[in-house]
Amino acid sequence: MSGHNANPRDNRHNTMDVPQFTEEQRRRILCIGDSYQRLTGRPLVSAEGDRVAALWSAPLAIVAHGTEADPIFYFGNRMALTLFEMAFDAFTRLPSRFSAEQLVREERARLLERVTRDGIIEDYAGVRISRTGRRFRISNASVWNLADADGTAVGQAAAFAEWVYVA
């Protein structure tokens, strides 16, 4: 199948409304953008208006997981949910390791170790799999550590705007 880049005009992405996030969810979601900006000096999304809504509707896929022994996704924006073919409630119960096929989970584990060590990488490429088994290769992805305002590690996040579906 041909390559695909994020297209905010694609109606599939515009049909999912912003969920009614709790204050705790909003705090954790804001940490995604705050951590990215602390590490890079650049905003992940526009800093104007509701930053949670901006992360939700960004024209790139954004996902984040916590620090559990088997980390669980706590955020996937509209673009990510479309790619993974999942609803927000289901995605946020998914151990993040299940976003990769069994054979590439070791590669994914090495990536997360590199991010833990370096704080951020901005050149990740790898294959991911949707709920229905549809595979897609992401490229030029940023993956970074999440830390709260006190510097306590609270998870890891990834963002990417380039992918291609693969057989």
N, C-alpha and C. Protein backbone atom coordinates (compact mmCIF):
# COMPACT_ATOMS: atom_id res chain seq x y z
N MET A 1 0.84 -1.17 0.00
CA MET A 1 0.00 0.00 0.00
C MET A 1 0.89 1.23 0.00
N SER A 2 0.42 2.30 -0.53
CA SER A 2 1.22 3.50 -0.62
C SER A 2 1.36 4.16 0.74
N GLY A 3 2.37 5.02 0.84
CA GLY A 3 2.65 5.72 2.09
C GLY A 3 1.53 6.67 2.47
N HIS A 4 1.53 7.02 3.75
CA HIS A 4 0.51 7.93 4.25
C HIS A 4 1.14 8.84 5.27
N ASN A 5 0.90 10.09 5.16
CA ASN A 5 1.29 11.05 6.18
C ASN A 5 0.03 11.60 6.79
N ALA A 6 0.15 12.11 7.98
CA ALA A 6 -1.00 12.67 8.68
C ALA A 6 -1.69 13.71 7.80
N ASN A 7 -2.99 13.60 7.69
CA ASN A 7 -3.76 14.56 6.92
C ASN A 7 -4.93 15.01 7.77
N PRO A 8 -4.84 16.20 8.37
CA PRO A 8 -5.91 16.64 9.26
C PRO A 8 -7.23 16.85 8.54
N ARG A 9 -7.22 16.87 7.23
CA ARG A 9 -8.48 17.06 6.49
C ARG A 9 -9.20 15.74 6.26
N ASP A 10 -8.53 14.63 6.58
CA ASP A 10 -9.14 13.31 6.43
C ASP A 10 -10.28 13.20 7.46
N ASN A 11 -11.48 13.02 7.01
CA ASN A 11 -12.66 13.04 7.89
C ASN A 11 -12.65 11.96 8.96
N ARG A 12 -11.95 10.85 8.73
CA ARG A 12 -11.91 9.81 9.76
C ARG A 12 -11.36 10.37 11.07
N HIS A 13 -10.40 11.30 10.98
CA HIS A 13 -9.77 11.84 12.17
C HIS A 13 -10.64 12.90 12.83
N ASN A 14 -11.52 13.51 12.11
CA ASN A 14 -12.31 14.60 12.64
C ASN A 14 -13.62 14.15 13.26
N THR A 15 -13.94 12.86 13.19
CA THR A 15 -15.20 12.38 13.74
C THR A 15 -15.10 12.03 15.21
N MET A 16 -13.87 11.93 15.75
CA MET A 16 -13.68 11.58 17.15
C MET A 16 -13.58 12.85 17.98
N ASP A 17 -14.56 13.08 18.83
CA ASP A 17 -14.54 14.25 19.69
C ASP A 17 -13.53 14.07 20.81
N VAL A 18 -13.09 15.19 21.38
CA VAL A 18 -12.19 15.15 22.52
C VAL A 18 -12.92 14.48 23.68
N PRO A 19 -12.35 13.43 24.26
CA PRO A 19 -12.99 12.79 25.42
C PRO A 19 -13.12 13.77 26.59
N GLN A 20 -14.01 13.47 27.50
CA GLN A 20 -14.14 14.27 28.72
C GLN A 20 -13.09 13.76 29.71
N PHE A 21 -11.91 14.36 29.66
CA PHE A 21 -10.81 13.93 30.51
C PHE A 21 -11.03 14.40 31.95
N THR A 22 -10.61 13.56 32.89
CA THR A 22 -10.60 13.98 34.30
C THR A 22 -9.45 14.96 34.50
N GLU A 23 -9.42 15.63 35.63
CA GLU A 23 -8.31 16.54 35.92
C GLU A 23 -6.99 15.79 35.98
N GLU A 24 -6.99 14.58 36.54
CA GLU A 24 -5.77 13.77 36.59
C GLU A 24 -5.31 13.41 35.18
N GLN A 25 -6.24 13.02 34.30
CA GLN A 25 -5.87 12.72 32.91
C GLN A 25 -5.31 13.96 32.23
N ARG A 26 -5.94 15.10 32.43
CA ARG A 26 -5.45 16.35 31.82
C ARG A 26 -4.02 16.65 32.29
N ARG A 27 -3.76 16.48 33.58
CA ARG A 27 -2.43 16.73 34.13
C ARG A 27 -1.40 15.82 33.45
N ARG A 28 -1.74 14.54 33.33
CA ARG A 28 -0.81 13.59 32.70
C ARG A 28 -0.62 13.90 31.22
N ILE A 29 -1.68 14.29 30.53
CA ILE A 29 -1.57 14.62 29.10
C ILE A 29 -0.72 15.87 28.90
N LEU A 30 -0.91 16.88 29.74
CA LEU A 30 -0.10 18.09 29.64
C LEU A 30 1.39 17.79 29.84
N CYS A 31 1.70 16.80 30.65
CA CYS A 31 3.08 16.41 30.88
C CYS A 31 3.76 15.95 29.59
N ILE A 32 2.99 15.41 28.66
CA ILE A 32 3.55 14.96 27.37
C ILE A 32 4.21 16.14 26.65
N GLY A 33 3.44 17.21 26.48
CA GLY A 33 3.96 18.39 25.79
C GLY A 33 5.01 19.12 26.60
N ASP A 34 4.79 19.22 27.92
CA ASP A 34 5.76 19.91 28.79
C ASP A 34 7.11 19.22 28.77
N SER A 35 7.11 17.89 28.85
CA SER A 35 8.37 17.14 28.85
C SER A 35 9.09 17.29 27.52
N TYR A 36 8.34 17.24 26.43
CA TYR A 36 8.94 17.40 25.10
C TYR A 36 9.62 18.76 25.00
N GLN A 37 8.93 19.80 25.45
CA GLN A 37 9.49 21.15 25.35
C GLN A 37 10.73 21.30 26.24
N ARG A 38 10.71 20.72 27.44
CA ARG A 38 11.88 20.79 28.32
C ARG A 38 13.09 20.12 27.67
N LEU A 39 12.86 19.00 26.97
CA LEU A 39 13.97 18.25 26.38
C LEU A 39 14.49 18.86 25.08
N THR A 40 13.60 19.49 24.30
CA THR A 40 13.99 19.97 22.96
C THR A 40 14.05 21.49 22.84
N GLY A 41 13.36 22.20 23.72
CA GLY A 41 13.24 23.65 23.58
C GLY A 41 12.19 24.04 22.56
N ARG A 42 11.47 23.05 22.02
CA ARG A 42 10.43 23.31 21.00
C ARG A 42 9.09 22.79 21.50
N PRO A 43 8.00 23.48 21.17
CA PRO A 43 6.68 22.93 21.54
C PRO A 43 6.31 21.76 20.64
N LEU A 44 5.64 20.78 21.21
CA LEU A 44 5.14 19.65 20.43
C LEU A 44 3.93 20.07 19.61
N VAL A 45 3.08 20.89 20.21
CA VAL A 45 1.90 21.45 19.54
C VAL A 45 1.82 22.93 19.89
N SER A 46 0.95 23.64 19.24
CA SER A 46 0.75 25.06 19.52
C SER A 46 0.45 25.27 20.99
N ALA A 47 1.12 26.25 21.57
CA ALA A 47 0.94 26.52 23.00
C ALA A 47 -0.26 27.43 23.27
N GLU A 48 -0.98 27.83 22.25
CA GLU A 48 -2.13 28.72 22.44
C GLU A 48 -3.40 27.92 22.65
N GLY A 49 -4.28 28.44 23.49
CA GLY A 49 -5.57 27.78 23.73
C GLY A 49 -5.44 26.57 24.63
N ASP A 50 -6.37 25.66 24.48
CA ASP A 50 -6.42 24.44 25.29
C ASP A 50 -5.37 23.46 24.78
N ARG A 51 -4.28 23.29 25.53
CA ARG A 51 -3.18 22.43 25.08
C ARG A 51 -3.58 20.97 25.03
N VAL A 52 -4.49 20.52 25.91
CA VAL A 52 -4.95 19.13 25.87
C VAL A 52 -5.71 18.89 24.56
N ALA A 53 -6.59 19.83 24.19
CA ALA A 53 -7.32 19.71 22.92
C ALA A 53 -6.35 19.75 21.74
N ALA A 54 -5.30 20.56 21.84
CA ALA A 54 -4.31 20.64 20.76
C ALA A 54 -3.55 19.32 20.61
N LEU A 55 -3.20 18.69 21.73
CA LEU A 55 -2.54 17.39 21.65
C LEU A 55 -3.48 16.34 21.07
N TRP A 56 -4.75 16.38 21.48
CA TRP A 56 -5.75 15.44 20.98
C TRP A 56 -5.91 15.54 19.46
N SER A 57 -5.97 16.74 18.94
CA SER A 57 -6.29 16.93 17.53
C SER A 57 -5.07 17.21 16.66
N ALA A 58 -3.88 17.06 17.20
CA ALA A 58 -2.65 17.32 16.43
C ALA A 58 -2.60 16.47 15.16
N PRO A 59 -2.02 17.02 14.10
CA PRO A 59 -1.92 16.26 12.84
C PRO A 59 -0.74 15.29 12.83
N LEU A 60 -0.48 14.67 13.97
CA LEU A 60 0.52 13.63 14.10
C LEU A 60 0.03 12.70 15.20
N ALA A 61 0.51 11.48 15.18
CA ALA A 61 0.12 10.51 16.20
C ALA A 61 0.94 10.76 17.45
N ILE A 62 0.27 10.79 18.61
CA ILE A 62 0.93 10.98 19.90
C ILE A 62 0.40 9.92 20.85
N VAL A 63 1.31 9.18 21.49
CA VAL A 63 0.93 8.16 22.47
C VAL A 63 1.82 8.32 23.70
N ALA A 64 1.33 7.85 24.85
CA ALA A 64 2.14 7.89 26.07
C ALA A 64 1.74 6.73 26.97
N HIS A 65 2.75 6.20 27.68
CA HIS A 65 2.49 5.16 28.68
C HIS A 65 3.14 5.55 30.00
N GLY A 66 2.67 4.90 31.06
CA GLY A 66 3.16 5.19 32.39
C GLY A 66 4.41 4.40 32.73
N THR A 67 4.66 4.27 34.04
CA THR A 67 5.88 3.63 34.53
C THR A 67 5.61 2.26 35.16
N GLU A 68 4.46 1.68 34.89
CA GLU A 68 4.15 0.36 35.43
C GLU A 68 5.20 -0.66 34.97
N ALA A 69 5.31 -1.79 35.68
CA ALA A 69 6.25 -2.85 35.29
C ALA A 69 5.98 -3.28 33.84
N ASP A 70 4.72 -3.36 33.45
CA ASP A 70 4.30 -3.63 32.08
C ASP A 70 3.50 -2.38 31.67
N PRO A 71 4.19 -1.34 31.16
CA PRO A 71 3.54 -0.04 30.97
C PRO A 71 2.26 -0.09 30.15
N ILE A 72 1.27 0.65 30.63
CA ILE A 72 -0.05 0.77 30.00
C ILE A 72 -0.16 2.14 29.35
N PHE A 73 -0.67 2.16 28.13
CA PHE A 73 -0.93 3.46 27.49
C PHE A 73 -1.92 4.24 28.34
N TYR A 74 -1.64 5.51 28.56
CA TYR A 74 -2.63 6.37 29.21
C TYR A 74 -3.12 7.45 28.27
N PHE A 75 -2.51 7.55 27.08
CA PHE A 75 -2.97 8.53 26.11
C PHE A 75 -2.65 8.05 24.70
N GLY A 76 -3.60 8.24 23.84
CA GLY A 76 -3.43 8.12 22.40
C GLY A 76 -4.32 9.19 21.82
N ASN A 77 -3.77 10.05 20.97
CA ASN A 77 -4.62 11.10 20.42
C ASN A 77 -5.45 10.55 19.25
N ARG A 78 -6.25 11.43 18.69
CA ARG A 78 -7.19 11.02 17.63
C ARG A 78 -6.47 10.33 16.48
N MET A 79 -5.33 10.87 16.05
CA MET A 79 -4.59 10.27 14.94
C MET A 79 -4.07 8.88 15.32
N ALA A 80 -3.54 8.75 16.52
CA ALA A 80 -3.02 7.45 16.97
C ALA A 80 -4.14 6.42 17.06
N LEU A 81 -5.27 6.82 17.62
CA LEU A 81 -6.39 5.89 17.75
C LEU A 81 -6.88 5.42 16.39
N THR A 82 -6.85 6.30 15.40
CA THR A 82 -7.24 5.91 14.05
C THR A 82 -6.27 4.87 13.50
N LEU A 83 -4.97 5.11 13.68
CA LEU A 83 -3.96 4.16 13.19
C LEU A 83 -4.07 2.81 13.89
N PHE A 84 -4.24 2.84 15.20
CA PHE A 84 -4.31 1.59 15.97
C PHE A 84 -5.71 0.98 15.94
N GLU A 85 -6.66 1.67 15.31
CA GLU A 85 -8.03 1.19 15.14
C GLU A 85 -8.66 0.82 16.49
N MET A 86 -8.56 1.76 17.43
CA MET A 86 -9.08 1.52 18.77
C MET A 86 -9.78 2.76 19.30
N ALA A 87 -10.71 2.54 20.21
CA ALA A 87 -11.35 3.62 20.94
C ALA A 87 -10.43 4.01 22.11
N PHE A 88 -10.57 5.23 22.59
CA PHE A 88 -9.72 5.73 23.67
C PHE A 88 -9.76 4.82 24.89
N ASP A 89 -10.97 4.42 25.32
CA ASP A 89 -11.10 3.59 26.52
C ASP A 89 -10.37 2.26 26.38
N ALA A 90 -10.43 1.64 25.22
CA ALA A 90 -9.73 0.37 25.00
C ALA A 90 -8.22 0.59 24.92
N PHE A 91 -7.80 1.64 24.22
CA PHE A 91 -6.38 1.92 24.05
C PHE A 91 -5.71 2.17 25.39
N THR A 92 -6.41 2.86 26.28
CA THR A 92 -5.82 3.22 27.58
C THR A 92 -5.89 2.07 28.60
N ARG A 93 -6.24 0.90 28.15
CA ARG A 93 -6.12 -0.32 28.96
C ARG A 93 -5.07 -1.27 28.37
N LEU A 94 -4.45 -0.86 27.26
CA LEU A 94 -3.54 -1.71 26.51
C LEU A 94 -2.10 -1.58 27.00
N PRO A 95 -1.46 -2.70 27.38
CA PRO A 95 -0.02 -2.62 27.63
C PRO A 95 0.68 -2.17 26.34
N SER A 96 1.57 -1.19 26.45
CA SER A 96 2.16 -0.61 25.24
C SER A 96 2.95 -1.62 24.42
N ARG A 97 3.43 -2.69 25.04
CA ARG A 97 4.19 -3.70 24.27
C ARG A 97 3.33 -4.33 23.19
N PHE A 98 2.01 -4.32 23.38
CA PHE A 98 1.13 -4.92 22.37
C PHE A 98 0.93 -4.04 21.14
N SER A 99 1.57 -2.87 21.12
CA SER A 99 1.51 -2.03 19.91
C SER A 99 2.51 -2.53 18.87
N ALA A 100 3.36 -3.48 19.26
CA ALA A 100 4.35 -4.06 18.35
C ALA A 100 4.10 -5.57 18.26
N GLU A 101 4.45 -6.14 17.11
CA GLU A 101 4.32 -7.58 16.96
C GLU A 101 5.33 -8.28 17.86
N GLN A 102 5.05 -9.53 18.20
CA GLN A 102 5.91 -10.32 19.08
C GLN A 102 7.36 -10.29 18.63
N LEU A 103 7.61 -10.45 17.34
CA LEU A 103 8.98 -10.54 16.84
C LEU A 103 9.76 -9.24 17.00
N VAL A 104 9.10 -8.09 17.08
CA VAL A 104 9.82 -6.83 17.20
C VAL A 104 9.75 -6.25 18.60
N ARG A 105 9.22 -7.00 19.55
CA ARG A 105 9.14 -6.48 20.92
C ARG A 105 10.52 -6.33 21.56
N GLU A 106 11.49 -7.19 21.20
CA GLU A 106 12.85 -7.03 21.72
C GLU A 106 13.46 -5.74 21.20
N GLU A 107 13.23 -5.44 19.91
CA GLU A 107 13.72 -4.19 19.32
C GLU A 107 13.10 -3.00 20.06
N ARG A 108 11.81 -3.10 20.33
CA ARG A 108 11.11 -2.03 21.05
C ARG A 108 11.68 -1.87 22.45
N ALA A 109 11.99 -2.95 23.13
CA ALA A 109 12.57 -2.88 24.47
C ALA A 109 13.93 -2.18 24.44
N ARG A 110 14.75 -2.48 23.41
CA ARG A 110 16.05 -1.81 23.28
C ARG A 110 15.85 -0.31 23.04
N LEU A 111 14.86 0.05 22.24
CA LEU A 111 14.55 1.46 21.99
C LEU A 111 14.22 2.17 23.30
N LEU A 112 13.34 1.57 24.10
CA LEU A 112 12.92 2.21 25.34
C LEU A 112 14.09 2.34 26.32
N GLU A 113 15.01 1.37 26.32
CA GLU A 113 16.21 1.49 27.15
C GLU A 113 17.06 2.66 26.69
N ARG A 114 17.20 2.85 25.37
CA ARG A 114 17.97 3.98 24.81
C ARG A 114 17.33 5.31 25.21
N VAL A 115 16.00 5.38 25.15
CA VAL A 115 15.30 6.61 25.55
C VAL A 115 15.50 6.87 27.03
N THR A 116 15.40 5.83 27.85
CA THR A 116 15.61 5.99 29.29
C THR A 116 17.00 6.57 29.55
N ARG A 117 17.98 6.08 28.84
CA ARG A 117 19.37 6.55 29.01
C ARG A 117 19.58 7.97 28.49
N ASP A 118 19.06 8.28 27.28
CA ASP A 118 19.37 9.53 26.60
C ASP A 118 18.32 10.63 26.78
N GLY A 119 17.14 10.29 27.27
CA GLY A 119 16.08 11.29 27.46
C GLY A 119 15.16 11.42 26.27
N ILE A 120 15.71 11.42 25.06
CA ILE A 120 14.90 11.55 23.85
C ILE A 120 15.69 11.01 22.66
N ILE A 121 14.97 10.43 21.72
CA ILE A 121 15.53 10.12 20.40
C ILE A 121 14.55 10.67 19.38
N GLU A 122 15.06 11.10 18.25
CA GLU A 122 14.17 11.71 17.26
C GLU A 122 14.32 11.07 15.89
N ASP A 123 14.79 9.82 15.88
CA ASP A 123 15.02 9.14 14.61
C ASP A 123 14.49 7.72 14.60
N TYR A 124 13.51 7.43 15.44
CA TYR A 124 13.03 6.06 15.54
C TYR A 124 12.21 5.65 14.33
N ALA A 125 12.40 4.40 13.92
CA ALA A 125 11.58 3.79 12.88
C ALA A 125 11.27 2.36 13.32
N GLY A 126 10.08 1.91 13.05
CA GLY A 126 9.72 0.54 13.41
C GLY A 126 8.32 0.21 12.96
N VAL A 127 7.97 -1.06 13.03
CA VAL A 127 6.66 -1.54 12.61
C VAL A 127 5.76 -1.66 13.83
N ARG A 128 4.55 -1.18 13.69
CA ARG A 128 3.52 -1.29 14.72
C ARG A 128 2.33 -2.03 14.12
N ILE A 129 1.41 -2.44 14.99
CA ILE A 129 0.28 -3.24 14.54
C ILE A 129 -1.00 -2.72 15.18
N SER A 130 -2.05 -2.64 14.37
CA SER A 130 -3.34 -2.14 14.87
C SER A 130 -4.12 -3.28 15.53
N ARG A 131 -5.23 -2.93 16.12
CA ARG A 131 -6.12 -3.91 16.77
C ARG A 131 -6.54 -5.01 15.81
N THR A 132 -6.74 -4.66 14.53
CA THR A 132 -7.21 -5.65 13.55
C THR A 132 -6.06 -6.40 12.87
N GLY A 133 -4.81 -6.10 13.27
CA GLY A 133 -3.66 -6.78 12.67
C GLY A 133 -3.04 -6.03 11.52
N ARG A 134 -3.53 -4.85 11.20
CA ARG A 134 -2.96 -4.05 10.12
C ARG A 134 -1.61 -3.50 10.59
N ARG A 135 -0.57 -3.75 9.79
CA ARG A 135 0.79 -3.34 10.14
C ARG A 135 1.14 -2.03 9.46
N PHE A 136 1.87 -1.18 10.18
CA PHE A 136 2.34 0.07 9.60
C PHE A 136 3.73 0.38 10.13
N ARG A 137 4.57 0.88 9.23
CA ARG A 137 5.94 1.24 9.59
C ARG A 137 5.99 2.74 9.84
N ILE A 138 6.44 3.11 11.04
CA ILE A 138 6.59 4.52 11.37
C ILE A 138 8.04 4.92 11.14
N SER A 139 8.26 6.19 10.82
CA SER A 139 9.63 6.67 10.65
C SER A 139 9.74 8.09 11.19
N ASN A 140 10.97 8.46 11.49
CA ASN A 140 11.27 9.79 12.04
C ASN A 140 10.43 10.10 13.27
N ALA A 141 10.23 9.09 14.09
CA ALA A 141 9.45 9.27 15.31
C ALA A 141 10.33 9.82 16.43
N SER A 142 9.74 10.67 17.25
CA SER A 142 10.38 11.12 18.48
C SER A 142 9.84 10.26 19.61
N VAL A 143 10.72 9.83 20.48
CA VAL A 143 10.34 9.07 21.67
C VAL A 143 11.10 9.70 22.83
N TRP A 144 10.38 10.05 23.90
CA TRP A 144 11.03 10.77 24.98
C TRP A 144 10.49 10.36 26.34
N ASN A 145 11.32 10.65 27.36
CA ASN A 145 10.94 10.40 28.74
C ASN A 145 9.99 11.49 29.21
N LEU A 146 9.05 11.09 30.03
CA LEU A 146 8.11 12.04 30.64
C LEU A 146 8.51 12.23 32.09
N ALA A 147 8.56 13.49 32.51
CA ALA A 147 8.87 13.80 33.90
C ALA A 147 7.93 14.92 34.35
N ASP A 148 7.51 14.84 35.61
CA ASP A 148 6.65 15.90 36.14
C ASP A 148 7.50 17.13 36.45
N ALA A 149 6.88 18.16 36.98
CA ALA A 149 7.57 19.43 37.25
C ALA A 149 8.72 19.26 38.24
N ASP A 150 8.66 18.23 39.10
CA ASP A 150 9.72 17.97 40.07
C ASP A 150 10.83 17.10 39.50
N GLY A 151 10.67 16.66 38.25
CA GLY A 151 11.69 15.82 37.62
C GLY A 151 11.50 14.34 37.84
N THR A 152 10.39 13.95 38.46
CA THR A 152 10.11 12.54 38.70
C THR A 152 9.66 11.88 37.40
N ALA A 153 10.26 10.74 37.07
CA ALA A 153 9.88 10.01 35.86
C ALA A 153 8.44 9.52 35.98
N VAL A 154 7.63 9.81 34.95
CA VAL A 154 6.23 9.40 34.97
C VAL A 154 5.83 8.60 33.73
N GLY A 155 6.79 8.32 32.82
CA GLY A 155 6.46 7.52 31.64
C GLY A 155 7.31 7.88 30.45
N GLN A 156 6.83 7.47 29.30
CA GLN A 156 7.48 7.76 28.02
C GLN A 156 6.39 8.05 27.00
N ALA A 157 6.75 8.86 26.01
CA ALA A 157 5.80 9.22 24.95
C ALA A 157 6.48 9.10 23.60
N ALA A 158 5.65 9.04 22.56
CA ALA A 158 6.14 9.00 21.19
C ALA A 158 5.23 9.85 20.32
N ALA A 159 5.79 10.42 19.28
CA ALA A 159 5.01 11.19 18.31
C ALA A 159 5.62 10.95 16.93
N PHE A 160 4.74 10.81 15.96
CA PHE A 160 5.21 10.62 14.58
C PHE A 160 4.13 11.07 13.61
N ALA A 161 4.60 11.59 12.47
CA ALA A 161 3.69 12.05 11.42
C ALA A 161 3.92 11.29 10.12
N GLU A 162 4.85 10.33 10.13
CA GLU A 162 5.16 9.58 8.91
C GLU A 162 4.95 8.09 9.16
N TRP A 163 4.16 7.47 8.30
CA TRP A 163 3.98 6.03 8.34
C TRP A 163 3.56 5.54 6.98
N VAL A 164 3.75 4.25 6.78
CA VAL A 164 3.32 3.58 5.56
C VAL A 164 2.77 2.22 5.98
N TYR A 165 1.65 1.83 5.42
CA TYR A 165 1.10 0.50 5.70
C TYR A 165 1.93 -0.54 4.98
N VAL A 166 2.18 -1.66 5.66
CA VAL A 166 3.01 -2.72 5.08
C VAL A 166 2.24 -4.03 5.11
N ALA A 167 2.65 -4.93 4.22
CA ALA A 167 1.98 -6.24 4.13
C ALA A 167 2.37 -7.14 5.26
